[in-house]
Amino acid sequence: ISGLDEVSFHMSGTEAVMQAVRLARY
């Protein structure tokens, strides 16, 4: 669906966005 390679699961949309930003900074 996303056309992307990997997936991680979280308990809220806020957590998912936090992880996306953290990975981008990393």
mmCIF file of all heavy atoms, coordinates in Angstrom:
data_MODEL
# 
_entry.id   MODEL 
# 
loop_
_atom_site.group_PDB 
_atom_site.id 
_atom_site.type_symbol 
_atom_site.label_atom_id 
_atom_site.label_alt_id 
_atom_site.label_comp_id 
_atom_site.label_asym_id 
_atom_site.label_entity_id 
_atom_site.label_seq_id 
_atom_site.pdbx_PDB_ins_code 
_atom_site.Cartn_x 
_atom_site.Cartn_y 
_atom_site.Cartn_z 
_atom_site.occupancy 
_atom_site.B_iso_or_equiv 
_atom_site.pdbx_formal_charge 
_atom_site.auth_seq_id 
_atom_site.auth_comp_id 
_atom_site.auth_asym_id 
_atom_site.auth_atom_id 
_atom_site.pdbx_PDB_model_num 
ATOM 1   N N   . ILE A 1 1  ? 0.826  -1.210 0.000  1.00 0.00 ? 1  ILE A N   1 
ATOM 2   C CA  . ILE A 1 1  ? 0.000  0.000  0.000  1.00 0.00 ? 1  ILE A CA  1 
ATOM 3   C C   . ILE A 1 1  ? 0.859  1.259  0.000  1.00 0.00 ? 1  ILE A C   1 
ATOM 4   O O   . ILE A 1 1  ? 0.592  2.211  -0.738 1.00 0.00 ? 1  ILE A O   1 
ATOM 5   C CB  . ILE A 1 1  ? -0.945 -0.009 1.224  1.00 0.00 ? 1  ILE A CB  1 
ATOM 6   C CG1 . ILE A 1 1  ? -2.032 -1.073 1.035  1.00 0.00 ? 1  ILE A CG1 1 
ATOM 7   C CG2 . ILE A 1 1  ? -1.570 1.360  1.448  1.00 0.00 ? 1  ILE A CG2 1 
ATOM 8   C CD1 . ILE A 1 1  ? -2.831 -1.351 2.294  1.00 0.00 ? 1  ILE A CD1 1 
ATOM 9   N N   . SER A 1 2  ? 1.900  1.248  0.824  1.00 0.00 ? 2  SER A N   1 
ATOM 10  C CA  . SER A 1 2  ? 2.728  2.452  0.976  1.00 0.00 ? 2  SER A CA  1 
ATOM 11  C C   . SER A 1 2  ? 3.780  2.601  -0.110 1.00 0.00 ? 2  SER A C   1 
ATOM 12  O O   . SER A 1 2  ? 4.291  3.709  -0.332 1.00 0.00 ? 2  SER A O   1 
ATOM 13  C CB  . SER A 1 2  ? 3.427  2.433  2.343  1.00 0.00 ? 2  SER A CB  1 
ATOM 14  O OG  . SER A 1 2  ? 4.390  1.386  2.403  1.00 0.00 ? 2  SER A OG  1 
ATOM 15  N N   . GLY A 1 3  ? 4.138  1.491  -0.768 1.00 0.00 ? 3  GLY A N   1 
ATOM 16  C CA  . GLY A 1 3  ? 5.228  1.529  -1.737 1.00 0.00 ? 3  GLY A CA  1 
ATOM 17  C C   . GLY A 1 3  ? 6.586  1.652  -1.083 1.00 0.00 ? 3  GLY A C   1 
ATOM 18  O O   . GLY A 1 3  ? 7.566  2.042  -1.736 1.00 0.00 ? 3  GLY A O   1 
ATOM 19  N N   . LEU A 1 4  ? 6.690  1.315  0.204  1.00 0.00 ? 4  LEU A N   1 
ATOM 20  C CA  . LEU A 1 4  ? 7.929  1.481  0.963  1.00 0.00 ? 4  LEU A CA  1 
ATOM 21  C C   . LEU A 1 4  ? 8.418  0.133  1.493  1.00 0.00 ? 4  LEU A C   1 
ATOM 22  O O   . LEU A 1 4  ? 7.731  -0.886 1.375  1.00 0.00 ? 4  LEU A O   1 
ATOM 23  C CB  . LEU A 1 4  ? 7.706  2.483  2.097  1.00 0.00 ? 4  LEU A CB  1 
ATOM 24  C CG  . LEU A 1 4  ? 7.402  3.910  1.574  1.00 0.00 ? 4  LEU A CG  1 
ATOM 25  C CD1 . LEU A 1 4  ? 6.829  4.794  2.676  1.00 0.00 ? 4  LEU A CD1 1 
ATOM 26  C CD2 . LEU A 1 4  ? 8.659  4.543  0.979  1.00 0.00 ? 4  LEU A CD2 1 
ATOM 27  N N   . ASP A 1 5  ? 9.608  0.125  2.069  1.00 0.00 ? 5  ASP A N   1 
ATOM 28  C CA  . ASP A 1 5  ? 10.318 -1.125 2.325  1.00 0.00 ? 5  ASP A CA  1 
ATOM 29  C C   . ASP A 1 5  ? 10.017 -1.781 3.669  1.00 0.00 ? 5  ASP A C   1 
ATOM 30  O O   . ASP A 1 5  ? 9.977  -3.005 3.771  1.00 0.00 ? 5  ASP A O   1 
ATOM 31  C CB  . ASP A 1 5  ? 11.836 -0.874 2.272  1.00 0.00 ? 5  ASP A CB  1 
ATOM 32  C CG  . ASP A 1 5  ? 12.280 -0.250 0.972  1.00 0.00 ? 5  ASP A CG  1 
ATOM 33  O OD1 . ASP A 1 5  ? 11.765 -0.669 -0.089 1.00 0.00 ? 5  ASP A OD1 1 
ATOM 34  O OD2 . ASP A 1 5  ? 13.120 0.673  1.000  1.00 0.00 ? 5  ASP A OD2 1 
ATOM 35  N N   . GLU A 1 6  ? 9.869  -0.971 4.697  1.00 0.00 ? 6  GLU A N   1 
ATOM 36  C CA  . GLU A 1 6  ? 9.775  -1.525 6.047  1.00 0.00 ? 6  GLU A CA  1 
ATOM 37  C C   . GLU A 1 6  ? 8.642  -0.881 6.827  1.00 0.00 ? 6  GLU A C   1 
ATOM 38  O O   . GLU A 1 6  ? 8.156  0.201  6.469  1.00 0.00 ? 6  GLU A O   1 
ATOM 39  C CB  . GLU A 1 6  ? 11.104 -1.331 6.797  1.00 0.00 ? 6  GLU A CB  1 
ATOM 40  C CG  . GLU A 1 6  ? 12.274 -2.067 6.155  1.00 0.00 ? 6  GLU A CG  1 
ATOM 41  C CD  . GLU A 1 6  ? 13.561 -1.944 6.973  1.00 0.00 ? 6  GLU A CD  1 
ATOM 42  O OE1 . GLU A 1 6  ? 13.476 -1.562 8.173  1.00 0.00 ? 6  GLU A OE1 1 
ATOM 43  O OE2 . GLU A 1 6  ? 14.636 -2.211 6.418  1.00 0.00 ? 6  GLU A OE2 1 
ATOM 44  N N   . VAL A 1 7  ? 8.261  -1.540 7.930  1.00 0.00 ? 7  VAL A N   1 
ATOM 45  C CA  . VAL A 1 7  ? 7.112  -1.118 8.728  1.00 0.00 ? 7  VAL A CA  1 
ATOM 46  C C   . VAL A 1 7  ? 7.467  -1.234 10.205 1.00 0.00 ? 7  VAL A C   1 
ATOM 47  O O   . VAL A 1 7  ? 8.134  -2.185 10.624 1.00 0.00 ? 7  VAL A O   1 
ATOM 48  C CB  . VAL A 1 7  ? 5.877  -2.003 8.430  1.00 0.00 ? 7  VAL A CB  1 
ATOM 49  C CG1 . VAL A 1 7  ? 4.679  -1.574 9.268  1.00 0.00 ? 7  VAL A CG1 1 
ATOM 50  C CG2 . VAL A 1 7  ? 5.542  -1.989 6.938  1.00 0.00 ? 7  VAL A CG2 1 
ATOM 51  N N   . SER A 1 8  ? 7.028  -0.268 10.993 1.00 0.00 ? 8  SER A N   1 
ATOM 52  C CA  . SER A 1 8  ? 7.093  -0.411 12.451 1.00 0.00 ? 8  SER A CA  1 
ATOM 53  C C   . SER A 1 8  ? 5.728  -0.055 13.028 1.00 0.00 ? 8  SER A C   1 
ATOM 54  O O   . SER A 1 8  ? 5.027  0.814  12.505 1.00 0.00 ? 8  SER A O   1 
ATOM 55  C CB  . SER A 1 8  ? 8.182  0.472  13.065 1.00 0.00 ? 8  SER A CB  1 
ATOM 56  O OG  . SER A 1 8  ? 7.901  1.843  12.888 1.00 0.00 ? 8  SER A OG  1 
ATOM 57  N N   . PHE A 1 9  ? 5.356  -0.746 14.111 1.00 0.00 ? 9  PHE A N   1 
ATOM 58  C CA  . PHE A 1 9  ? 4.040  -0.572 14.712 1.00 0.00 ? 9  PHE A CA  1 
ATOM 59  C C   . PHE A 1 9  ? 4.164  0.176  16.026 1.00 0.00 ? 9  PHE A C   1 
ATOM 60  O O   . PHE A 1 9  ? 5.093  -0.030 16.808 1.00 0.00 ? 9  PHE A O   1 
ATOM 61  C CB  . PHE A 1 9  ? 3.379  -1.939 14.950 1.00 0.00 ? 9  PHE A CB  1 
ATOM 62  C CG  . PHE A 1 9  ? 3.079  -2.680 13.674 1.00 0.00 ? 9  PHE A CG  1 
ATOM 63  C CD1 . PHE A 1 9  ? 3.849  -3.761 13.294 1.00 0.00 ? 9  PHE A CD1 1 
ATOM 64  C CD2 . PHE A 1 9  ? 2.035  -2.271 12.848 1.00 0.00 ? 9  PHE A CD2 1 
ATOM 65  C CE1 . PHE A 1 9  ? 3.585  -4.454 12.117 1.00 0.00 ? 9  PHE A CE1 1 
ATOM 66  C CE2 . PHE A 1 9  ? 1.766  -2.946 11.662 1.00 0.00 ? 9  PHE A CE2 1 
ATOM 67  C CZ  . PHE A 1 9  ? 2.536  -4.039 11.301 1.00 0.00 ? 9  PHE A CZ  1 
ATOM 68  N N   . HIS A 1 10 ? 3.169  1.035  16.282 1.00 0.00 ? 10 HIS A N   1 
ATOM 69  C CA  . HIS A 1 10 ? 3.136  1.855  17.492 1.00 0.00 ? 10 HIS A CA  1 
ATOM 70  C C   . HIS A 1 10 ? 1.705  1.879  18.009 1.00 0.00 ? 10 HIS A C   1 
ATOM 71  O O   . HIS A 1 10 ? 0.809  1.270  17.425 1.00 0.00 ? 10 HIS A O   1 
ATOM 72  C CB  . HIS A 1 10 ? 3.662  3.255  17.179 1.00 0.00 ? 10 HIS A CB  1 
ATOM 73  C CG  . HIS A 1 10 ? 5.005  3.235  16.518 1.00 0.00 ? 10 HIS A CG  1 
ATOM 74  N ND1 . HIS A 1 10 ? 6.188  3.230  17.212 1.00 0.00 ? 10 HIS A ND1 1 
ATOM 75  C CD2 . HIS A 1 10 ? 5.355  3.158  15.197 1.00 0.00 ? 10 HIS A CD2 1 
ATOM 76  C CE1 . HIS A 1 10 ? 7.203  3.175  16.375 1.00 0.00 ? 10 HIS A CE1 1 
ATOM 77  N NE2 . HIS A 1 10 ? 6.731  3.126  15.136 1.00 0.00 ? 10 HIS A NE2 1 
ATOM 78  N N   . MET A 1 11 ? 1.477  2.593  19.105 1.00 0.00 ? 11 MET A N   1 
ATOM 79  C CA  . MET A 1 11 ? 0.153  2.571  19.723 1.00 0.00 ? 11 MET A CA  1 
ATOM 80  C C   . MET A 1 11 ? -0.670 3.824  19.437 1.00 0.00 ? 11 MET A C   1 
ATOM 81  O O   . MET A 1 11 ? -1.807 3.920  19.871 1.00 0.00 ? 11 MET A O   1 
ATOM 82  C CB  . MET A 1 11 ? 0.276  2.357  21.230 1.00 0.00 ? 11 MET A CB  1 
ATOM 83  C CG  . MET A 1 11 ? 0.620  0.916  21.604 1.00 0.00 ? 11 MET A CG  1 
ATOM 84  S SD  . MET A 1 11 ? -0.522 -0.309 20.919 1.00 0.00 ? 11 MET A SD  1 
ATOM 85  C CE  . MET A 1 11 ? -2.036 0.111  21.763 1.00 0.00 ? 11 MET A CE  1 
ATOM 86  N N   . SER A 1 12 ? -0.109 4.786  18.743 1.00 0.00 ? 12 SER A N   1 
ATOM 87  C CA  . SER A 1 12 ? -0.876 5.977  18.376 1.00 0.00 ? 12 SER A CA  1 
ATOM 88  C C   . SER A 1 12 ? -0.211 6.649  17.191 1.00 0.00 ? 12 SER A C   1 
ATOM 89  O O   . SER A 1 12 ? 0.977  6.415  16.907 1.00 0.00 ? 12 SER A O   1 
ATOM 90  C CB  . SER A 1 12 ? -0.959 6.962  19.547 1.00 0.00 ? 12 SER A CB  1 
ATOM 91  O OG  . SER A 1 12 ? 0.293  7.576  19.777 1.00 0.00 ? 12 SER A OG  1 
ATOM 92  N N   . GLY A 1 13 ? -0.969 7.522  16.534 1.00 0.00 ? 13 GLY A N   1 
ATOM 93  C CA  . GLY A 1 13 ? -0.400 8.289  15.433 1.00 0.00 ? 13 GLY A CA  1 
ATOM 94  C C   . GLY A 1 13 ? 0.691  9.221  15.904 1.00 0.00 ? 13 GLY A C   1 
ATOM 95  O O   . GLY A 1 13 ? 1.695  9.428  15.207 1.00 0.00 ? 13 GLY A O   1 
ATOM 96  N N   . THR A 1 14 ? 0.518  9.805  17.085 1.00 0.00 ? 14 THR A N   1 
ATOM 97  C CA  . THR A 1 14 ? 1.541  10.685 17.639 1.00 0.00 ? 14 THR A CA  1 
ATOM 98  C C   . THR A 1 14 ? 2.871  9.945  17.775 1.00 0.00 ? 14 THR A C   1 
ATOM 99  O O   . THR A 1 14 ? 3.930  10.469 17.406 1.00 0.00 ? 14 THR A O   1 
ATOM 100 C CB  . THR A 1 14 ? 1.093  11.229 19.010 1.00 0.00 ? 14 THR A CB  1 
ATOM 101 O OG1 . THR A 1 14 ? 0.017  12.152 18.806 1.00 0.00 ? 14 THR A OG1 1 
ATOM 102 C CG2 . THR A 1 14 ? 2.219  11.957 19.717 1.00 0.00 ? 14 THR A CG2 1 
ATOM 103 N N   . GLU A 1 15 ? 2.834  8.710  18.295 1.00 0.00 ? 15 GLU A N   1 
ATOM 104 C CA  . GLU A 1 15 ? 4.071  7.929  18.438 1.00 0.00 ? 15 GLU A CA  1 
ATOM 105 C C   . GLU A 1 15 ? 4.707  7.644  17.083 1.00 0.00 ? 15 GLU A C   1 
ATOM 106 O O   . GLU A 1 15 ? 5.943  7.670  16.945 1.00 0.00 ? 15 GLU A O   1 
ATOM 107 C CB  . GLU A 1 15 ? 3.777  6.615  19.149 1.00 0.00 ? 15 GLU A CB  1 
ATOM 108 C CG  . GLU A 1 15 ? 3.502  6.741  20.630 1.00 0.00 ? 15 GLU A CG  1 
ATOM 109 C CD  . GLU A 1 15 ? 3.333  5.384  21.283 1.00 0.00 ? 15 GLU A CD  1 
ATOM 110 O OE1 . GLU A 1 15 ? 3.954  4.405  20.827 1.00 0.00 ? 15 GLU A OE1 1 
ATOM 111 O OE2 . GLU A 1 15 ? 2.565  5.300  22.256 1.00 0.00 ? 15 GLU A OE2 1 
ATOM 112 N N   . ALA A 1 16 ? 3.895  7.344  16.097 1.00 0.00 ? 16 ALA A N   1 
ATOM 113 C CA  . ALA A 1 16 ? 4.439  7.040  14.769 1.00 0.00 ? 16 ALA A CA  1 
ATOM 114 C C   . ALA A 1 16 ? 5.154  8.254  14.186 1.00 0.00 ? 16 ALA A C   1 
ATOM 115 O O   . ALA A 1 16 ? 6.242  8.134  13.592 1.00 0.00 ? 16 ALA A O   1 
ATOM 116 C CB  . ALA A 1 16 ? 3.318  6.577  13.843 1.00 0.00 ? 16 ALA A CB  1 
ATOM 117 N N   . VAL A 1 17 ? 4.566  9.438  14.362 1.00 0.00 ? 17 VAL A N   1 
ATOM 118 C CA  . VAL A 1 17 ? 5.206  10.664 13.861 1.00 0.00 ? 17 VAL A CA  1 
ATOM 119 C C   . VAL A 1 17 ? 6.494  10.930 14.639 1.00 0.00 ? 17 VAL A C   1 
ATOM 120 O O   . VAL A 1 17 ? 7.520  11.324 14.055 1.00 0.00 ? 17 VAL A O   1 
ATOM 121 C CB  . VAL A 1 17 ? 4.238  11.860 13.954 1.00 0.00 ? 17 VAL A CB  1 
ATOM 122 C CG1 . VAL A 1 17 ? 4.955  13.156 13.590 1.00 0.00 ? 17 VAL A CG1 1 
ATOM 123 C CG2 . VAL A 1 17 ? 3.049  11.644 13.027 1.00 0.00 ? 17 VAL A CG2 1 
ATOM 124 N N   . MET A 1 18 ? 6.478  10.728 15.943 1.00 0.00 ? 18 MET A N   1 
ATOM 125 C CA  . MET A 1 18 ? 7.690  10.904 16.741 1.00 0.00 ? 18 MET A CA  1 
ATOM 126 C C   . MET A 1 18 ? 8.818  10.024 16.216 1.00 0.00 ? 18 MET A C   1 
ATOM 127 O O   . MET A 1 18 ? 9.972  10.467 16.089 1.00 0.00 ? 18 MET A O   1 
ATOM 128 C CB  . MET A 1 18 ? 7.406  10.564 18.208 1.00 0.00 ? 18 MET A CB  1 
ATOM 129 C CG  . MET A 1 18 ? 6.502  11.541 18.926 1.00 0.00 ? 18 MET A CG  1 
ATOM 130 S SD  . MET A 1 18 ? 5.991  10.957 20.562 1.00 0.00 ? 18 MET A SD  1 
ATOM 131 C CE  . MET A 1 18 ? 7.536  11.082 21.458 1.00 0.00 ? 18 MET A CE  1 
ATOM 132 N N   . GLN A 1 19 ? 8.487  8.775  15.911 1.00 0.00 ? 19 GLN A N   1 
ATOM 133 C CA  . GLN A 1 19 ? 9.508  7.857  15.405 1.00 0.00 ? 19 GLN A CA  1 
ATOM 134 C C   . GLN A 1 19 ? 10.018 8.275  14.036 1.00 0.00 ? 19 GLN A C   1 
ATOM 135 O O   . GLN A 1 19 ? 11.216 8.202  13.747 1.00 0.00 ? 19 GLN A O   1 
ATOM 136 C CB  . GLN A 1 19 ? 8.946  6.436  15.356 1.00 0.00 ? 19 GLN A CB  1 
ATOM 137 C CG  . GLN A 1 19 ? 9.851  5.404  14.698 1.00 0.00 ? 19 GLN A CG  1 
ATOM 138 C CD  . GLN A 1 19 ? 11.138 5.139  15.475 1.00 0.00 ? 19 GLN A CD  1 
ATOM 139 O OE1 . GLN A 1 19 ? 11.484 5.864  16.409 1.00 0.00 ? 19 GLN A OE1 1 
ATOM 140 N NE2 . GLN A 1 19 ? 11.851 4.099  15.087 1.00 0.00 ? 19 GLN A NE2 1 
ATOM 141 N N   . ALA A 1 20 ? 9.114  8.741  13.170 1.00 0.00 ? 20 ALA A N   1 
ATOM 142 C CA  . ALA A 1 20 ? 9.535  9.181  11.833 1.00 0.00 ? 20 ALA A CA  1 
ATOM 143 C C   . ALA A 1 20 ? 10.532 10.332 11.936 1.00 0.00 ? 20 ALA A C   1 
ATOM 144 O O   . ALA A 1 20 ? 11.577 10.336 11.261 1.00 0.00 ? 20 ALA A O   1 
ATOM 145 C CB  . ALA A 1 20 ? 8.314  9.609  11.017 1.00 0.00 ? 20 ALA A CB  1 
ATOM 146 N N   . VAL A 1 21 ? 10.229 11.318 12.775 1.00 0.00 ? 21 VAL A N   1 
ATOM 147 C CA  . VAL A 1 21 ? 11.117 12.474 12.929 1.00 0.00 ? 21 VAL A CA  1 
ATOM 148 C C   . VAL A 1 21 ? 12.435 12.047 13.567 1.00 0.00 ? 21 VAL A C   1 
ATOM 149 O O   . VAL A 1 21 ? 13.522 12.491 13.155 1.00 0.00 ? 21 VAL A O   1 
ATOM 150 C CB  . VAL A 1 21 ? 10.427 13.566 13.759 1.00 0.00 ? 21 VAL A CB  1 
ATOM 151 C CG1 . VAL A 1 21 ? 11.402 14.696 14.084 1.00 0.00 ? 21 VAL A CG1 1 
ATOM 152 C CG2 . VAL A 1 21 ? 9.218  14.120 13.007 1.00 0.00 ? 21 VAL A CG2 1 
ATOM 153 N N   . ARG A 1 22 ? 12.378 11.187 14.574 1.00 0.00 ? 22 ARG A N   1 
ATOM 154 C CA  . ARG A 1 22 ? 13.605 10.733 15.229 1.00 0.00 ? 22 ARG A CA  1 
ATOM 155 C C   . ARG A 1 22 ? 14.514 10.004 14.245 1.00 0.00 ? 22 ARG A C   1 
ATOM 156 O O   . ARG A 1 22 ? 15.732 10.223 14.212 1.00 0.00 ? 22 ARG A O   1 
ATOM 157 C CB  . ARG A 1 22 ? 13.263 9.822  16.408 1.00 0.00 ? 22 ARG A CB  1 
ATOM 158 C CG  . ARG A 1 22 ? 14.488 9.206  17.067 1.00 0.00 ? 22 ARG A CG  1 
ATOM 159 C CD  . ARG A 1 22 ? 14.142 8.418  18.304 1.00 0.00 ? 22 ARG A CD  1 
ATOM 160 N NE  . ARG A 1 22 ? 13.974 9.311  19.448 1.00 0.00 ? 22 ARG A NE  1 
ATOM 161 C CZ  . ARG A 1 22 ? 14.010 8.891  20.718 1.00 0.00 ? 22 ARG A CZ  1 
ATOM 162 N NH1 . ARG A 1 22 ? 14.192 7.608  20.986 1.00 0.00 ? 22 ARG A NH1 1 
ATOM 163 N NH2 . ARG A 1 22 ? 13.868 9.741  21.699 1.00 0.00 ? 22 ARG A NH2 1 
ATOM 164 N N   . LEU A 1 23 ? 13.941 9.133  13.413 1.00 0.00 ? 23 LEU A N   1 
ATOM 165 C CA  . LEU A 1 23 ? 14.752 8.410  12.433 1.00 0.00 ? 23 LEU A CA  1 
ATOM 166 C C   . LEU A 1 23 ? 15.352 9.361  11.397 1.00 0.00 ? 23 LEU A C   1 
ATOM 167 O O   . LEU A 1 23 ? 16.507 9.194  10.980 1.00 0.00 ? 23 LEU A O   1 
ATOM 168 C CB  . LEU A 1 23 ? 13.906 7.347  11.739 1.00 0.00 ? 23 LEU A CB  1 
ATOM 169 C CG  . LEU A 1 23 ? 13.630 6.077  12.550 1.00 0.00 ? 23 LEU A CG  1 
ATOM 170 C CD1 . LEU A 1 23 ? 12.543 5.243  11.894 1.00 0.00 ? 23 LEU A CD1 1 
ATOM 171 C CD2 . LEU A 1 23 ? 14.908 5.249  12.711 1.00 0.00 ? 23 LEU A CD2 1 
ATOM 172 N N   . ALA A 1 24 ? 14.577 10.356 10.969 1.00 0.00 ? 24 ALA A N   1 
ATOM 173 C CA  . ALA A 1 24 ? 15.098 11.327 9.997  1.00 0.00 ? 24 ALA A CA  1 
ATOM 174 C C   . ALA A 1 24 ? 16.288 12.078 10.581 1.00 0.00 ? 24 ALA A C   1 
ATOM 175 O O   . ALA A 1 24 ? 17.310 12.300 9.899  1.00 0.00 ? 24 ALA A O   1 
ATOM 176 C CB  . ALA A 1 24 ? 13.991 12.292 9.576  1.00 0.00 ? 24 ALA A CB  1 
ATOM 177 N N   . ARG A 1 25 ? 16.194 12.480 11.824 1.00 0.00 ? 25 ARG A N   1 
ATOM 178 C CA  . ARG A 1 25 ? 17.307 13.181 12.470 1.00 0.00 ? 25 ARG A CA  1 
ATOM 179 C C   . ARG A 1 25 ? 18.511 12.253 12.632 1.00 0.00 ? 25 ARG A C   1 
ATOM 180 O O   . ARG A 1 25 ? 19.664 12.671 12.442 1.00 0.00 ? 25 ARG A O   1 
ATOM 181 C CB  . ARG A 1 25 ? 16.857 13.707 13.829 1.00 0.00 ? 25 ARG A CB  1 
ATOM 182 C CG  . ARG A 1 25 ? 15.956 14.935 13.736 1.00 0.00 ? 25 ARG A CG  1 
ATOM 183 C CD  . ARG A 1 25 ? 15.332 15.297 15.066 1.00 0.00 ? 25 ARG A CD  1 
ATOM 184 N NE  . ARG A 1 25 ? 14.750 16.637 15.028 1.00 0.00 ? 25 ARG A NE  1 
ATOM 185 C CZ  . ARG A 1 25 ? 13.872 17.095 15.910 1.00 0.00 ? 25 ARG A CZ  1 
ATOM 186 N NH1 . ARG A 1 25 ? 13.459 16.315 16.898 1.00 0.00 ? 25 ARG A NH1 1 
ATOM 187 N NH2 . ARG A 1 25 ? 13.399 18.321 15.803 1.00 0.00 ? 25 ARG A NH2 1 
ATOM 188 N N   . TYR A 1 26 ? 18.255 11.024 12.968 1.00 0.00 ? 26 TYR A N   1 
ATOM 189 C CA  . TYR A 1 26 ? 19.329 10.045 13.162 1.00 0.00 ? 26 TYR A CA  1 
ATOM 190 C C   . TYR A 1 26 ? 20.124 9.833  11.874 1.00 0.00 ? 26 TYR A C   1 
ATOM 191 O O   . TYR A 1 26 ? 21.361 9.831  11.876 1.00 0.00 ? 26 TYR A O   1 
ATOM 192 C CB  . TYR A 1 26 ? 18.707 8.734  13.634 1.00 0.00 ? 26 TYR A CB  1 
ATOM 193 C CG  . TYR A 1 26 ? 19.629 7.557  13.797 1.00 0.00 ? 26 TYR A CG  1 
ATOM 194 C CD1 . TYR A 1 26 ? 20.617 7.545  14.773 1.00 0.00 ? 26 TYR A CD1 1 
ATOM 195 C CD2 . TYR A 1 26 ? 19.479 6.424  12.999 1.00 0.00 ? 26 TYR A CD2 1 
ATOM 196 C CE1 . TYR A 1 26 ? 21.440 6.441  14.942 1.00 0.00 ? 26 TYR A CE1 1 
ATOM 197 C CE2 . TYR A 1 26 ? 20.288 5.320  13.161 1.00 0.00 ? 26 TYR A CE2 1 
ATOM 198 C CZ  . TYR A 1 26 ? 21.272 5.332  14.125 1.00 0.00 ? 26 TYR A CZ  1 
ATOM 199 O OH  . TYR A 1 26 ? 22.091 4.233  14.309 1.00 0.00 ? 26 TYR A OH  1 
# 
